[in-house]
Protein backbone atom coordinates (compact mmCIF):
# COMPACT_ATOMS: atom_id res chain seq x y z
CA UNK A 1 -10.84 -29.07 -1.50
CA UNK A 2 -7.14 -29.94 -1.44
CA UNK A 3 -4.48 -27.66 -2.92
CA UNK A 4 -0.68 -27.49 -2.93
CA UNK A 5 -0.74 -25.60 0.35
CA UNK A 6 -2.00 -28.70 2.15
CA UNK A 7 1.41 -30.35 1.71
CA UNK A 8 2.94 -27.71 3.99
CA UNK A 9 2.54 -27.64 7.79
CA UNK A 10 0.65 -24.32 7.72
CA UNK A 11 -2.87 -25.34 8.80
CA UNK A 12 -4.50 -23.22 11.48
CA UNK A 13 -7.78 -25.12 11.71
CA UNK A 14 -9.13 -28.54 10.74
CA UNK A 15 -10.09 -27.13 7.31
CA UNK A 16 -7.94 -27.40 4.16
CA UNK A 17 -5.78 -24.35 3.38
CA UNK A 18 -8.19 -23.34 0.59
CA UNK A 19 -10.81 -22.36 3.20
CA UNK A 20 -10.10 -19.13 5.10
CA UNK A 21 -12.72 -18.90 7.82
CA UNK A 22 -16.26 -17.92 6.87
CA UNK A 23 -16.08 -14.19 6.07
CA UNK A 24 -16.47 -13.51 2.34
CA UNK A 25 -14.18 -10.45 2.75
CA UNK A 26 -11.11 -12.39 3.84
CA UNK A 27 -8.03 -11.37 1.83
CA UNK A 28 -4.27 -11.99 1.76
CA UNK A 29 -2.20 -9.29 0.03
CA UNK A 30 1.27 -8.19 -1.10
CA UNK A 31 2.21 -4.54 -1.73
CA UNK A 32 5.48 -3.02 -2.96
CA UNK A 33 6.77 0.39 -3.93
CA UNK A 34 10.17 1.60 -5.11
CA UNK A 35 11.74 4.80 -6.34
CA UNK A 36 14.95 6.23 -7.72
CA UNK A 37 17.03 8.36 -5.38
CA UNK A 38 15.62 11.59 -6.83
CA UNK A 39 12.04 10.30 -7.09
CA UNK A 40 11.88 10.85 -10.84
CA UNK A 41 10.93 7.20 -11.44
CA UNK A 42 8.47 5.41 -9.18
CA UNK A 43 6.92 1.95 -9.36
CA UNK A 44 4.40 0.01 -7.31
CA UNK A 45 3.00 -3.50 -7.40
CA UNK A 46 0.40 -5.56 -5.57
CA UNK A 47 -1.11 -9.04 -5.55
CA UNK A 48 -4.23 -10.04 -3.66
CA UNK A 49 -5.86 -13.38 -2.87
CA UNK A 50 -9.56 -13.54 -1.99
CA UNK A 51 -10.11 -17.19 -1.04
CA UNK A 52 -13.84 -16.99 -0.35
CA UNK A 53 -14.44 -15.14 -3.64
CA UNK A 54 -12.23 -17.52 -5.64
CA UNK A 55 -10.27 -14.61 -7.17
CA UNK A 56 -6.62 -13.52 -7.36
CA UNK A 57 -5.58 -10.21 -8.91
CA UNK A 58 -2.36 -8.27 -9.37
CA UNK A 59 -1.05 -4.99 -10.73
CA UNK A 60 2.17 -3.21 -11.63
CA UNK A 61 2.52 0.53 -12.22
CA UNK A 62 5.39 2.83 -13.23
CA UNK A 63 5.62 6.62 -13.28
CA UNK A 64 8.19 7.93 -15.75
CA UNK A 65 8.29 11.33 -17.46
CA UNK A 66 5.20 12.30 -15.46
CA UNK A 67 2.95 9.54 -16.85
CA UNK A 68 1.63 6.69 -14.68
CA UNK A 69 1.44 3.44 -16.66
CA UNK A 70 -0.85 0.77 -15.15
CA UNK A 71 -0.90 -2.98 -15.79
CA UNK A 72 -3.65 -5.03 -14.14
CA UNK A 73 -4.50 -8.73 -14.25
CA UNK A 74 -7.09 -11.02 -12.66
CA UNK A 75 -8.07 -14.68 -12.73
CA UNK A 76 -10.12 -17.21 -10.85
CA UNK A 77 -8.04 -19.09 -8.30
CA UNK A 78 -9.77 -22.44 -7.87
CA UNK A 79 -8.74 -22.29 -4.20
CA UNK A 80 -5.01 -22.52 -4.99
CA UNK A 81 -3.00 -20.07 -2.89
CA UNK A 82 0.59 -21.03 -3.72
CA UNK A 83 0.50 -20.00 -7.38
CA UNK A 84 1.87 -16.46 -7.12
CA UNK A 85 1.24 -15.48 -10.72
CA UNK A 86 -1.53 -13.62 -12.50
CA UNK A 87 -1.11 -13.13 -16.25
CA UNK A 88 2.31 -11.51 -16.80
CA UNK A 89 2.77 -10.62 -13.10
CA UNK A 90 4.57 -13.06 -10.77
CA UNK A 91 6.10 -12.97 -7.29
CA UNK A 92 8.83 -15.32 -6.08
CA UNK A 93 9.74 -15.65 -2.39
CA UNK A 94 13.52 -16.09 -2.52
CA UNK A 95 14.08 -15.97 1.25
CA UNK A 96 10.98 -15.58 3.45
CA UNK A 97 10.84 -12.20 5.23
CA UNK A 98 14.10 -11.16 3.55
CA UNK A 99 14.21 -11.30 -0.27
CA UNK A 100 11.37 -11.23 -2.83
CA UNK A 101 11.56 -11.01 -6.63
CA UNK A 102 8.89 -9.41 -8.77
CA UNK A 103 8.73 -10.38 -12.46
CA UNK A 104 6.65 -8.71 -15.16
CA UNK A 105 6.85 -10.81 -18.32
CA UNK A 106 6.75 -9.12 -21.73
CA UNK A 107 3.12 -8.62 -22.74
CA UNK A 108 1.01 -6.57 -25.12
CA UNK A 109 1.42 -3.49 -22.93
CA UNK A 110 4.37 -1.15 -22.33
CA UNK A 111 5.66 -2.59 -19.02
CA UNK A 112 8.16 -5.35 -18.20
CA UNK A 113 10.48 -5.86 -15.23
CA UNK A 114 12.60 -8.12 -13.06
CA UNK A 115 13.06 -6.51 -9.66
CA UNK A 116 14.45 -7.95 -6.43
CA UNK A 117 13.61 -6.48 -3.03
CA UNK A 118 16.08 -7.07 -0.16
CA UNK A 119 14.84 -6.10 3.28
CA UNK A 120 16.86 -3.77 5.47
CA UNK A 121 15.43 -5.09 8.74
CA UNK A 122 13.08 -7.72 10.10
CA UNK A 123 9.47 -6.85 9.19
CA UNK A 124 7.56 -4.69 11.67
CA UNK A 125 4.24 -6.09 12.91
CA UNK A 126 1.77 -3.24 13.29
CA UNK A 127 -1.07 -3.13 15.83
CA UNK A 128 -4.02 -5.18 14.63
CA UNK A 129 -6.51 -3.11 12.64
CA UNK A 130 -10.07 -3.66 13.95
CA UNK A 131 -12.95 -1.35 13.05
CA UNK A 132 -16.73 -1.74 13.01
CA UNK A 133 -19.52 0.24 11.38
CA UNK A 134 -22.17 -0.11 14.05
CA UNK A 135 -22.61 -3.86 14.49
CA UNK A 136 -20.95 -4.74 11.15
CA UNK A 137 -17.28 -5.70 11.00
CA UNK A 138 -15.52 -3.33 8.59
CA UNK A 139 -11.86 -4.27 9.12
CA UNK A 140 -9.95 -6.89 11.07
CA UNK A 141 -6.47 -7.48 9.71
CA UNK A 142 -2.76 -7.74 10.50
CA UNK A 143 -0.05 -5.96 8.52
CA UNK A 144 3.71 -6.25 8.47
CA UNK A 145 5.90 -3.57 6.88
CA UNK A 146 9.53 -3.62 5.74
CA UNK A 147 11.86 -1.15 4.06
CA UNK A 148 14.44 -2.36 1.60
CA UNK A 149 16.67 -1.87 -1.41
CA UNK A 150 15.78 -2.75 -5.00
CA UNK A 151 17.94 -4.18 -7.78
CA UNK A 152 17.24 -5.33 -11.33
CA UNK A 153 15.54 -3.50 -14.18
CA UNK A 154 12.24 -2.29 -15.56
CA UNK A 155 11.23 -1.12 -18.99
CA UNK A 156 8.58 1.24 -20.34
CA UNK A 157 7.76 1.15 -24.05
CA UNK A 158 10.97 -0.80 -24.65
CA UNK A 159 13.22 1.69 -22.85
CA UNK A 160 15.16 -0.13 -20.15
CA UNK A 161 15.82 1.51 -16.77
CA UNK A 162 18.44 -0.15 -14.58
CA UNK A 163 17.59 -0.33 -10.88
CA UNK A 164 20.60 -0.30 -8.58
CA UNK A 165 21.52 0.13 -4.92
CA UNK A 166 20.37 3.75 -4.93
CA UNK A 167 16.75 2.64 -5.29
CA UNK A 168 14.82 2.23 -2.06
CA UNK A 169 11.25 1.34 -1.20
CA UNK A 170 8.86 -0.46 1.08
CA UNK A 171 6.77 -3.60 1.04
CA UNK A 172 3.92 -4.77 3.18
CA UNK A 173 1.96 -7.93 3.71
CA UNK A 174 -1.53 -7.80 5.15
CA UNK A 175 -4.21 -10.40 5.70
CA UNK A 176 -7.59 -10.54 7.35
CA UNK A 177 -10.93 -8.88 6.61
CA UNK A 178 -11.72 -5.65 4.81
CA UNK A 179 -14.27 -4.86 2.06
CA UNK A 180 -13.40 -6.65 -1.21
CA UNK A 181 -15.27 -7.71 -4.31
CA UNK A 182 -18.75 -6.56 -5.22
CA UNK A 183 -20.60 -4.23 -2.86
CA UNK A 184 -22.80 -5.83 -0.24
CA UNK A 185 -26.50 -5.87 -1.24
CA UNK A 186 -27.47 -4.58 2.21
CA UNK A 187 -24.83 -2.28 3.69
CA UNK A 188 -25.00 -1.39 7.38
CA UNK A 189 -27.34 1.50 8.23
CA UNK A 190 -24.31 3.62 9.13
CA UNK A 191 -22.85 3.11 5.63
CA UNK A 192 -19.60 1.45 4.66
CA UNK A 193 -17.33 4.37 3.85
CA UNK A 194 -18.64 7.67 5.22
CA UNK A 195 -15.49 8.55 7.19
CA UNK A 196 -11.93 7.27 6.80
CA UNK A 197 -8.74 9.15 7.66
CA UNK A 198 -5.50 7.38 6.73
CA UNK A 199 -1.87 8.52 6.80
CA UNK A 200 1.14 6.26 6.23
CA UNK A 201 4.74 7.46 5.97
CA UNK A 202 7.32 4.74 5.18
CA UNK A 203 10.75 6.48 5.01
CA UNK A 204 14.31 5.38 4.26
CA UNK A 205 17.28 7.02 5.97
CA UNK A 206 20.96 6.14 5.82
CA UNK A 207 21.05 3.52 8.56
CA UNK A 208 17.41 3.24 9.62
CA UNK A 209 13.82 3.14 8.43
CA UNK A 210 10.81 4.91 9.86
CA UNK A 211 7.11 4.10 9.71
CA UNK A 212 4.34 6.32 11.01
CA UNK A 213 0.65 5.68 10.39
CA UNK A 214 -2.61 6.95 11.77
CA UNK A 215 -6.23 5.88 11.34
CA UNK A 216 -8.42 8.55 12.99
CA UNK A 217 -12.14 8.95 13.52
CA UNK A 218 -13.97 12.14 12.60
CA UNK A 219 -13.14 13.81 15.90
CA UNK A 220 -9.45 13.12 15.34
CA UNK A 221 -9.11 10.33 17.90
CA UNK A 222 -6.81 7.60 16.60
CA UNK A 223 -8.19 4.08 16.50
CA UNK A 224 -4.87 2.75 15.15
CA UNK A 225 -1.66 4.79 15.37
CA UNK A 226 1.96 3.79 15.71
CA UNK A 227 5.45 5.09 14.89
CA UNK A 228 8.42 2.74 14.60
CA UNK A 229 12.11 3.33 13.92
CA UNK A 230 13.83 0.16 12.67
CA UNK A 231 17.62 0.26 12.48
CA UNK A 232 19.62 -1.72 9.95
CA UNK A 233 21.36 -3.27 12.97
CA UNK A 234 18.08 -4.90 14.02
CA UNK A 235 16.74 -2.66 16.80
CA UNK A 236 13.10 -1.51 16.84
CA UNK A 237 11.84 1.50 18.77
CA UNK A 238 8.05 1.90 19.02
CA UNK A 239 6.17 5.09 19.85
CA UNK A 240 2.53 4.78 20.90
CA UNK A 241 1.73 8.42 21.65
CA UNK A 242 2.87 10.21 18.49
CA UNK A 243 1.02 13.36 17.44
CA UNK A 244 1.00 15.11 14.07
CA UNK A 245 -0.04 18.25 12.23
CA UNK A 246 -0.61 18.82 8.52
CA UNK A 247 -0.52 21.74 6.14
CA UNK A 248 -2.78 21.56 3.08
CA UNK A 249 -2.58 22.47 -0.56
CA UNK A 250 -5.28 25.10 -0.85
CA UNK A 251 -8.57 23.86 -2.28
CA UNK A 252 -7.65 20.17 -1.94
CA UNK A 253 -7.24 17.38 0.57
CA UNK A 254 -3.57 16.97 -0.34
CA UNK A 255 -0.83 17.36 2.27
CA UNK A 256 1.96 19.86 1.56
CA UNK A 257 3.80 19.28 4.85
CA UNK A 258 3.46 16.83 7.72
CA UNK A 259 5.19 17.17 11.06
CA UNK A 260 5.02 14.48 13.71
CA UNK A 261 6.20 14.50 17.30
CA UNK A 262 7.05 10.86 17.95
CA UNK A 263 7.98 11.37 21.59
CA UNK A 264 11.29 10.90 23.31
CA UNK A 265 12.81 13.99 21.64
CA UNK A 266 12.22 12.60 18.16
CA UNK A 267 10.46 14.59 15.44
CA UNK A 268 9.64 13.90 11.80
CA UNK A 269 9.04 16.36 8.98
CA UNK A 270 7.86 15.29 5.52
CA UNK A 271 7.56 17.51 2.46
CA UNK A 272 6.09 16.06 -0.76
CA UNK A 273 8.56 16.88 -3.53
CA UNK A 274 8.03 14.44 -6.37
CA UNK A 275 5.46 12.53 -8.39
CA UNK A 276 2.00 11.72 -7.07
CA UNK A 277 1.00 8.09 -7.53
CA UNK A 278 -2.69 7.24 -7.87
CA UNK A 279 -3.40 4.09 -5.85
CA UNK A 280 -6.27 3.28 -8.23
CA UNK A 281 -3.51 1.88 -10.46
CA UNK A 282 -3.30 -0.94 -7.90
CA UNK A 283 -7.08 -1.32 -7.79
CA UNK A 284 -7.83 0.76 -4.69
CA UNK A 285 -11.33 2.24 -5.13
CA UNK A 286 -11.17 1.55 -8.89
CA UNK A 287 -14.70 1.11 -10.33
CA UNK A 288 -13.69 -1.71 -12.73
CA UNK A 289 -10.47 -3.18 -11.32
CA UNK A 290 -11.32 -3.00 -7.63
CA UNK A 291 -9.91 -5.74 -5.41
CA UNK A 292 -11.55 -9.13 -5.80
CA UNK A 293 -13.78 -8.30 -8.76
CA UNK A 294 -14.62 -11.25 -11.02
CA UNK A 295 -13.67 -10.62 -14.66
CA UNK A 296 -15.00 -13.91 -16.00
CA UNK A 297 -13.80 -17.47 -16.49
CA UNK A 298 -10.78 -16.48 -18.62
CA UNK A 299 -7.78 -14.59 -17.22
CA UNK A 300 -8.09 -10.85 -17.85
CA UNK A 301 -5.30 -8.33 -18.49
CA UNK A 302 -5.67 -4.58 -19.06
CA UNK A 303 -3.45 -1.54 -19.52
CA UNK A 304 -4.06 2.19 -19.20
CA UNK A 305 -2.26 5.35 -18.11
CA UNK A 306 -2.84 8.55 -16.17
CA UNK A 307 -1.10 11.78 -17.06
CA UNK A 308 0.16 14.15 -14.40
CA UNK A 309 -2.87 16.38 -14.96
CA UNK A 310 -5.21 13.40 -14.59
CA UNK A 311 -3.68 12.71 -11.18
CA UNK A 312 -4.57 16.16 -9.89
CA UNK A 313 -7.00 16.61 -7.03
CA UNK A 314 -10.60 16.26 -8.15
CA UNK A 315 -10.27 13.06 -10.17
CA UNK A 316 -11.92 10.23 -8.18
CA UNK A 317 -9.12 7.95 -9.42
CA UNK A 318 -6.60 10.16 -7.61
CA UNK A 319 -8.20 10.68 -4.20
CA UNK A 320 -6.09 7.88 -2.66
CA UNK A 321 -2.43 8.64 -3.39
CA UNK A 322 1.17 8.16 -2.43
CA UNK A 323 3.42 11.20 -2.82
CA UNK A 324 7.22 11.02 -2.97
CA UNK A 325 8.65 13.09 -0.10
CA UNK A 326 11.86 14.37 1.36
CA UNK A 327 12.13 13.38 5.02
CA UNK A 328 13.91 14.81 8.02
CA UNK A 329 14.15 12.94 11.31
CA UNK A 330 15.46 14.78 14.36
CA UNK A 331 16.68 12.27 16.94
CA UNK A 332 18.03 14.10 19.97
CA UNK A 333 21.03 16.06 18.75
CA UNK A 334 21.24 14.28 15.37
CA UNK A 335 19.34 15.08 12.18
CA UNK A 336 18.85 12.35 9.57
CA UNK A 337 17.75 13.16 6.02
CA UNK A 338 16.14 10.70 3.68
CA UNK A 339 13.25 10.06 1.32
CA UNK A 340 10.00 8.19 1.47
CA UNK A 341 6.33 8.14 0.63
CA UNK A 342 3.34 9.88 2.15
CA UNK A 343 0.18 7.84 1.59
CA UNK A 344 -3.07 9.71 2.15
CA UNK A 345 -6.77 8.89 1.93
CA UNK A 346 -9.19 11.28 3.61
CA UNK A 347 -12.92 10.70 3.36
CA UNK A 348 -15.40 12.57 5.56
CA UNK A 349 -14.67 14.96 8.43
CA UNK A 350 -11.53 15.25 10.56
CA UNK A 351 -11.96 18.02 13.09
CA UNK A 352 -8.28 18.70 14.01
CA UNK A 353 -7.39 19.09 10.33
CA UNK A 354 -10.37 21.27 9.54
CA UNK A 355 -11.88 18.79 7.11
CA UNK A 356 -15.67 18.85 6.80
CA UNK A 357 -18.27 17.13 4.63
CA UNK A 358 -17.58 13.99 2.63
CA UNK A 359 -14.88 15.34 0.32
CA UNK A 360 -14.91 19.11 0.94
CA UNK A 361 -11.41 20.51 0.37
CA UNK A 362 -9.31 21.90 3.16
CA UNK A 363 -9.46 25.64 3.74
C-alpha cells in the first residue's frame, strides 16, 4: 500500500510507510496545551494516528468562563499519514521541531481558531516508556516535549479571543505502543489498568522551561522519572534522581500542592490555582471518543461541554486532569516564578502517597 509518505526518505524498514510494525496498538500522536497569563482561558488539542487500526482522530477543547467546550472528530485513514486534518481540525508543520500551526475551521459547533506555537527550545527527548503487565506489553513509546509561546486567535460562540505573546504552553509528540481502540477480547490475567500513577509538570518561567514527570508502581518505585530544565539559550540540565511529595484535597485524588527536590540544590513547588481541564475532552479514557475508536465509514464530528461542577472529583470523565498551577523554582540562590500545568492520573495504590484501593480517595 503506497501513500504520500513513500515519496519522502523516511522509511525505517522494507515496508511502505503505511505499515507500522505488527502491533495493533501502534500510535503516533500530537498534543498541545496553551493558557493565558492568568490561567482564565485554557485550550488543548490533540491528533492521533493509529496505522494498524486505519483510524485518525483529533480534538480541540477550550475552557472559558468555567465551561470546558469539546470538539472531537474521527475518520478512517486509508493508510495515509501525511494528511494532518480530521474534519474541521488541521495541523500544519511550519518549521519542523520549531513552529506548528493549529487551525479549527468554522463548523456547526462553538469553537474556531488559528493558533501558532513557537518553541522556546529544542524538544526534550524523554526516557523511553516501557511497561509490561506480566508477559503482555502494555507500553513502549518515545515522547518529546517542548514549551513555547502561542499567537493567533480562538473563538467561542462567536466571541473572539486574541492570543498574544503572554500566552504560553507546551506540546508533545509521542509514538510507539500503548492501548488504543477497542478493548482486547482476552486481556492479560493481571488486567490492563489496575495500577497507574502519573504526574507531569510542564512549566514556563521567564528564561527557561521545566519538565518533571513520574510513572510509579504501587510501592512508589519509579519505572520512568525525569526532571529537565531547558533554557531559552539552548542548554538542557537533566536530573535522574528527583524526589517529590504531594498534599491532597481531602476526599479526592487531586493534588493541592506538589514539591519536588530535583537535586543539585534545585527545588520545585507547584500550587494548582486555576481551571481544571478534563483530559476526556481529548479522548483519554472517554467511553465513546476514546483513542482509535472506529465511528464508521463517514467522517464523524461531535461537540459537548463540561461545566466546572461536572469536572469535580467523582466524575469518571474528570479522573485524568490537567490543572493550571503557579510554579516556583529555587535554583541555588535564585528563585524563578512562573506558571504551568500539573497533569495527574492516579489509578490503584501508591504507598508513599497513602493511596489505597482502585480509586479510594486520599485521606
